[in-house]
N, C-alpha and C. Protein backbone atom coordinates (compact mmCIF):
# COMPACT_ATOMS: atom_id res chain seq x y z
N MET A 1 81.96 77.23 57.50
CA MET A 1 82.52 78.06 56.47
C MET A 1 82.46 77.34 55.10
N LYS A 2 82.08 78.09 54.08
CA LYS A 2 82.07 77.58 52.72
C LYS A 2 83.05 78.36 51.89
N ILE A 3 83.71 77.73 50.94
CA ILE A 3 84.62 78.44 50.04
C ILE A 3 84.25 78.11 48.63
N LYS A 4 84.07 79.16 47.82
CA LYS A 4 83.79 79.01 46.39
C LYS A 4 84.95 79.65 45.68
N GLU A 5 85.62 78.92 44.84
CA GLU A 5 86.77 79.44 44.11
C GLU A 5 86.44 79.84 42.71
N ARG A 6 86.90 80.91 42.28
CA ARG A 6 86.83 81.38 40.87
C ARG A 6 88.14 81.98 40.49
N ARG A 7 88.39 82.06 39.20
CA ARG A 7 89.68 82.63 38.73
C ARG A 7 89.42 83.82 37.83
N ARG A 8 90.27 84.80 37.95
CA ARG A 8 90.16 85.98 37.05
C ARG A 8 91.59 86.52 36.81
N ASP A 9 91.95 86.62 35.61
CA ASP A 9 93.30 87.14 35.25
C ASP A 9 94.44 86.50 36.00
N GLY A 10 94.36 85.13 36.15
CA GLY A 10 95.39 84.38 36.84
C GLY A 10 95.34 84.53 38.39
N ILE A 11 94.30 85.14 38.90
CA ILE A 11 94.13 85.33 40.36
C ILE A 11 93.07 84.41 40.84
N ALA A 12 93.33 83.68 41.90
CA ALA A 12 92.29 82.83 42.54
C ALA A 12 91.49 83.78 43.50
N ILE A 13 90.20 83.89 43.24
CA ILE A 13 89.32 84.66 44.09
C ILE A 13 88.53 83.62 44.95
N LEU A 14 88.71 83.73 46.21
CA LEU A 14 88.01 82.78 47.09
C LEU A 14 86.92 83.48 47.84
N ASP A 15 85.66 83.13 47.46
CA ASP A 15 84.49 83.72 48.12
C ASP A 15 84.14 82.89 49.31
N ILE A 16 84.37 83.45 50.47
CA ILE A 16 84.16 82.72 51.71
C ILE A 16 82.83 83.19 52.36
N SER A 17 82.07 82.23 52.89
CA SER A 17 80.81 82.58 53.57
C SER A 17 80.73 81.84 54.86
N GLY A 18 79.96 82.38 55.82
CA GLY A 18 79.85 81.77 57.10
C GLY A 18 80.78 82.31 58.15
N ASN A 19 81.17 81.49 59.08
CA ASN A 19 82.12 81.89 60.15
C ASN A 19 83.48 81.26 59.85
N LEU A 20 84.51 82.03 60.09
CA LEU A 20 85.88 81.59 59.93
C LEU A 20 86.40 81.33 61.36
N MET A 21 86.38 80.04 61.79
CA MET A 21 86.56 79.74 63.19
C MET A 21 87.70 78.69 63.49
N GLY A 22 88.29 78.14 62.51
CA GLY A 22 89.34 77.19 62.80
C GLY A 22 88.81 75.76 62.66
N GLY A 23 89.57 74.77 63.17
CA GLY A 23 89.20 73.38 63.01
C GLY A 23 89.14 72.97 61.61
N PRO A 24 88.01 72.42 61.08
CA PRO A 24 87.95 71.96 59.70
C PRO A 24 88.04 73.19 58.70
N ASP A 25 87.80 74.34 59.17
CA ASP A 25 87.95 75.56 58.30
C ASP A 25 89.39 75.72 57.87
N ALA A 26 90.30 75.47 58.78
CA ALA A 26 91.73 75.68 58.50
C ALA A 26 92.12 74.67 57.43
N GLU A 27 91.72 73.43 57.54
CA GLU A 27 92.12 72.41 56.51
C GLU A 27 91.56 72.72 55.19
N ALA A 28 90.24 73.14 55.16
CA ALA A 28 89.60 73.47 53.92
C ALA A 28 90.27 74.63 53.17
N PHE A 29 90.58 75.69 53.94
CA PHE A 29 91.21 76.86 53.39
C PHE A 29 92.60 76.51 52.89
N ASN A 30 93.39 75.79 53.67
CA ASN A 30 94.73 75.42 53.25
C ASN A 30 94.71 74.48 52.03
N GLU A 31 93.74 73.62 51.96
CA GLU A 31 93.65 72.69 50.83
C GLU A 31 93.38 73.47 49.54
N VAL A 32 92.51 74.48 49.60
CA VAL A 32 92.22 75.30 48.37
C VAL A 32 93.51 76.05 47.96
N LEU A 33 94.22 76.62 48.93
CA LEU A 33 95.46 77.34 48.64
C LEU A 33 96.47 76.37 47.98
N ARG A 34 96.63 75.18 48.59
CA ARG A 34 97.59 74.24 48.05
C ARG A 34 97.26 73.82 46.64
N THR A 35 95.96 73.52 46.41
CA THR A 35 95.56 73.10 45.07
C THR A 35 95.79 74.18 44.04
N CYS A 36 95.43 75.39 44.36
CA CYS A 36 95.65 76.50 43.44
C CYS A 36 97.18 76.72 43.15
N MET A 37 97.95 76.66 44.22
CA MET A 37 99.35 76.85 44.00
C MET A 37 100.00 75.72 43.24
N HIS A 38 99.50 74.51 43.43
CA HIS A 38 99.96 73.36 42.63
C HIS A 38 99.66 73.56 41.17
N GLU A 39 98.59 74.30 40.85
CA GLU A 39 98.17 74.62 39.52
C GLU A 39 98.87 75.90 38.99
N GLY A 40 99.75 76.47 39.74
CA GLY A 40 100.52 77.57 39.30
C GLY A 40 100.00 78.91 39.70
N VAL A 41 98.90 79.01 40.49
CA VAL A 41 98.38 80.29 40.93
C VAL A 41 99.09 80.72 42.16
N THR A 42 99.62 81.96 42.16
CA THR A 42 100.27 82.44 43.39
C THR A 42 99.63 83.66 43.95
N ASN A 43 98.64 84.23 43.31
CA ASN A 43 97.97 85.44 43.79
C ASN A 43 96.50 85.09 44.20
N PHE A 44 96.13 85.52 45.41
CA PHE A 44 94.87 85.21 45.96
C PHE A 44 94.16 86.45 46.43
N LEU A 45 92.86 86.51 46.19
CA LEU A 45 91.98 87.55 46.68
C LEU A 45 90.90 86.87 47.52
N ILE A 46 90.84 87.15 48.74
CA ILE A 46 89.90 86.49 49.67
C ILE A 46 88.70 87.44 49.86
N ASN A 47 87.55 87.11 49.24
CA ASN A 47 86.37 87.87 49.34
C ASN A 47 85.60 87.51 50.67
N MET A 48 85.58 88.42 51.61
CA MET A 48 85.04 88.17 52.91
C MET A 48 83.65 88.82 53.09
N GLU A 49 83.00 89.15 52.00
CA GLU A 49 81.73 89.84 52.09
C GLU A 49 80.67 89.08 52.87
N LYS A 50 80.67 87.76 52.75
CA LYS A 50 79.65 86.95 53.44
C LYS A 50 80.19 86.24 54.70
N VAL A 51 81.34 86.67 55.14
CA VAL A 51 81.87 86.14 56.43
C VAL A 51 81.17 86.85 57.55
N LYS A 52 80.52 86.09 58.45
CA LYS A 52 79.77 86.71 59.55
C LYS A 52 80.64 86.98 60.75
N TRP A 53 81.64 86.07 60.98
CA TRP A 53 82.45 86.27 62.20
C TRP A 53 83.80 85.58 61.96
N VAL A 54 84.85 86.16 62.57
CA VAL A 54 86.18 85.56 62.59
C VAL A 54 86.67 85.60 64.02
N ASN A 55 87.10 84.45 64.54
CA ASN A 55 87.69 84.42 65.88
C ASN A 55 89.20 84.39 65.73
N SER A 56 89.90 84.27 66.85
CA SER A 56 91.36 84.32 66.83
C SER A 56 91.93 83.18 66.01
N THR A 57 91.37 82.04 66.03
CA THR A 57 91.78 80.89 65.18
C THR A 57 91.58 81.25 63.73
N GLY A 58 90.46 81.86 63.38
CA GLY A 58 90.24 82.26 62.05
C GLY A 58 91.26 83.27 61.53
N LEU A 59 91.64 84.17 62.42
CA LEU A 59 92.68 85.12 62.08
C LEU A 59 94.00 84.39 61.80
N GLY A 60 94.23 83.38 62.58
CA GLY A 60 95.43 82.52 62.40
C GLY A 60 95.45 81.84 61.04
N ILE A 61 94.28 81.39 60.58
CA ILE A 61 94.16 80.77 59.31
C ILE A 61 94.57 81.76 58.19
N LEU A 62 94.07 82.97 58.29
CA LEU A 62 94.39 83.98 57.28
C LEU A 62 95.88 84.27 57.31
N ILE A 63 96.44 84.46 58.50
CA ILE A 63 97.85 84.77 58.65
C ILE A 63 98.72 83.62 58.07
N SER A 64 98.35 82.40 58.35
CA SER A 64 99.05 81.24 57.83
C SER A 64 98.99 81.22 56.30
N GLY A 65 97.81 81.47 55.77
CA GLY A 65 97.68 81.52 54.30
C GLY A 65 98.52 82.61 53.72
N TYR A 66 98.49 83.78 54.36
CA TYR A 66 99.29 84.92 53.90
C TYR A 66 100.81 84.55 53.83
N THR A 67 101.30 83.92 54.90
CA THR A 67 102.67 83.52 54.95
C THR A 67 103.03 82.48 53.89
N THR A 68 102.15 81.51 53.72
CA THR A 68 102.39 80.46 52.75
C THR A 68 102.47 81.03 51.31
N VAL A 69 101.56 81.90 51.00
CA VAL A 69 101.53 82.54 49.67
C VAL A 69 102.73 83.43 49.44
N ASN A 70 103.08 84.22 50.50
CA ASN A 70 104.24 85.12 50.34
C ASN A 70 105.57 84.30 50.14
N ARG A 71 105.71 83.19 50.84
CA ARG A 71 106.86 82.39 50.70
C ARG A 71 106.95 81.79 49.29
N ALA A 72 105.82 81.63 48.60
CA ALA A 72 105.80 81.11 47.29
C ALA A 72 105.96 82.19 46.25
N GLY A 73 106.18 83.43 46.71
CA GLY A 73 106.36 84.54 45.79
C GLY A 73 105.07 85.23 45.36
N GLY A 74 103.98 84.90 46.00
CA GLY A 74 102.69 85.49 45.62
C GLY A 74 102.20 86.52 46.62
N GLU A 75 100.89 86.90 46.41
CA GLU A 75 100.29 87.85 47.30
C GLU A 75 98.87 87.39 47.69
N LEU A 76 98.47 87.63 48.94
CA LEU A 76 97.15 87.36 49.39
C LEU A 76 96.58 88.65 49.91
N LYS A 77 95.45 89.02 49.33
CA LYS A 77 94.83 90.27 49.64
C LYS A 77 93.35 90.00 50.00
N LEU A 78 92.70 90.93 50.71
CA LEU A 78 91.32 90.82 51.16
C LEU A 78 90.39 91.72 50.37
N LEU A 79 89.16 91.26 50.25
CA LEU A 79 88.13 92.04 49.56
C LEU A 79 86.86 92.01 50.38
N ASN A 80 86.22 93.20 50.43
CA ASN A 80 84.87 93.32 51.06
C ASN A 80 84.86 92.85 52.52
N VAL A 81 85.81 93.29 53.26
CA VAL A 81 85.79 92.98 54.73
C VAL A 81 84.72 93.82 55.38
N THR A 82 83.83 93.19 56.11
CA THR A 82 82.72 93.93 56.78
C THR A 82 83.32 94.87 57.86
N ASP A 83 82.52 95.87 58.23
CA ASP A 83 82.94 96.74 59.29
C ASP A 83 83.20 96.05 60.59
N ARG A 84 82.36 95.09 60.90
CA ARG A 84 82.49 94.34 62.15
C ARG A 84 83.84 93.58 62.18
N ILE A 85 84.22 92.95 61.05
CA ILE A 85 85.47 92.18 61.01
C ILE A 85 86.63 93.14 60.80
N GLU A 86 86.43 94.24 60.10
CA GLU A 86 87.50 95.24 59.95
C GLU A 86 87.96 95.77 61.36
N SER A 87 87.03 95.91 62.26
CA SER A 87 87.39 96.41 63.59
C SER A 87 88.31 95.38 64.28
N ILE A 88 88.07 94.08 64.04
CA ILE A 88 88.96 93.08 64.60
C ILE A 88 90.39 93.19 64.03
N PHE A 89 90.44 93.43 62.70
CA PHE A 89 91.73 93.60 62.06
C PHE A 89 92.46 94.84 62.62
N ILE A 90 91.74 95.92 62.91
CA ILE A 90 92.32 97.12 63.43
C ILE A 90 92.84 96.92 64.86
N VAL A 91 92.03 96.27 65.72
CA VAL A 91 92.44 96.08 67.10
C VAL A 91 93.66 95.15 67.13
N SER A 92 93.65 94.14 66.29
CA SER A 92 94.78 93.16 66.29
C SER A 92 95.96 93.60 65.46
N ARG A 93 95.88 94.79 64.92
CA ARG A 93 96.92 95.39 64.07
C ARG A 93 97.17 94.61 62.78
N LEU A 94 96.28 93.70 62.44
CA LEU A 94 96.41 93.04 61.17
C LEU A 94 96.02 93.85 59.98
N ALA A 95 95.40 94.97 60.25
CA ALA A 95 95.02 95.88 59.15
C ALA A 95 96.29 96.41 58.49
N THR A 96 97.41 96.38 59.21
CA THR A 96 98.69 96.90 58.64
C THR A 96 99.38 95.78 57.83
N VAL A 97 98.90 94.52 57.98
CA VAL A 97 99.49 93.39 57.29
C VAL A 97 98.78 93.09 55.97
N PHE A 98 97.49 93.07 56.00
CA PHE A 98 96.68 92.73 54.81
C PHE A 98 96.28 93.96 54.01
N GLN A 99 96.46 93.89 52.70
CA GLN A 99 95.89 94.91 51.85
C GLN A 99 94.41 94.54 51.70
N SER A 100 93.55 95.51 51.85
CA SER A 100 92.12 95.28 51.77
C SER A 100 91.48 96.22 50.78
N PHE A 101 90.52 95.69 50.07
CA PHE A 101 89.83 96.46 48.99
C PHE A 101 88.36 96.32 49.17
N THR A 102 87.61 97.30 48.65
CA THR A 102 86.14 97.26 48.60
C THR A 102 85.63 97.06 47.16
N ASP A 103 86.51 97.20 46.24
CA ASP A 103 86.14 97.09 44.80
C ASP A 103 87.00 95.95 44.14
N GLU A 104 86.32 94.95 43.60
CA GLU A 104 86.98 93.82 43.04
C GLU A 104 87.86 94.22 41.83
N GLU A 105 87.40 95.14 41.00
CA GLU A 105 88.18 95.58 39.87
C GLU A 105 89.53 96.18 40.31
N GLU A 106 89.42 97.07 41.28
CA GLU A 106 90.63 97.70 41.83
C GLU A 106 91.54 96.65 42.47
N ALA A 107 91.00 95.71 43.15
CA ALA A 107 91.82 94.64 43.81
C ALA A 107 92.55 93.83 42.74
N VAL A 108 91.81 93.42 41.70
CA VAL A 108 92.46 92.63 40.63
C VAL A 108 93.60 93.40 39.96
N ARG A 109 93.33 94.71 39.69
CA ARG A 109 94.37 95.55 39.06
C ARG A 109 95.62 95.70 39.98
N SER A 110 95.40 95.63 41.29
CA SER A 110 96.53 95.85 42.25
C SER A 110 97.59 94.74 42.15
N PHE A 111 97.24 93.62 41.55
CA PHE A 111 98.19 92.52 41.41
C PHE A 111 99.16 92.70 40.22
N ALA A 112 98.85 93.62 39.39
CA ALA A 112 99.71 93.88 38.16
C ALA A 112 101.06 94.45 38.46
């Protein structure tokens, strides 16, 4: 998994690519969240357009990030979830937890 961070209107947009599978991925993801939050960013948009696969540990990484951000008074939302991964969110009922968007403009506006 690779993470590229960019900022827009005070929101950290994390462009993730590859597989979200746990292990070193968890530490990398959490480190980016911690760094951004230390810099005062509390709202995150996770762009999953280039994520090929998410396993149960990968889902746990997202849930952990969601919880951490919420406890800090922020929001974590998803962008461009592929149909294949969306089906995992539906089956696991996580589609009811995460707000998901297909348009970055709309997603950024949703934080206002």
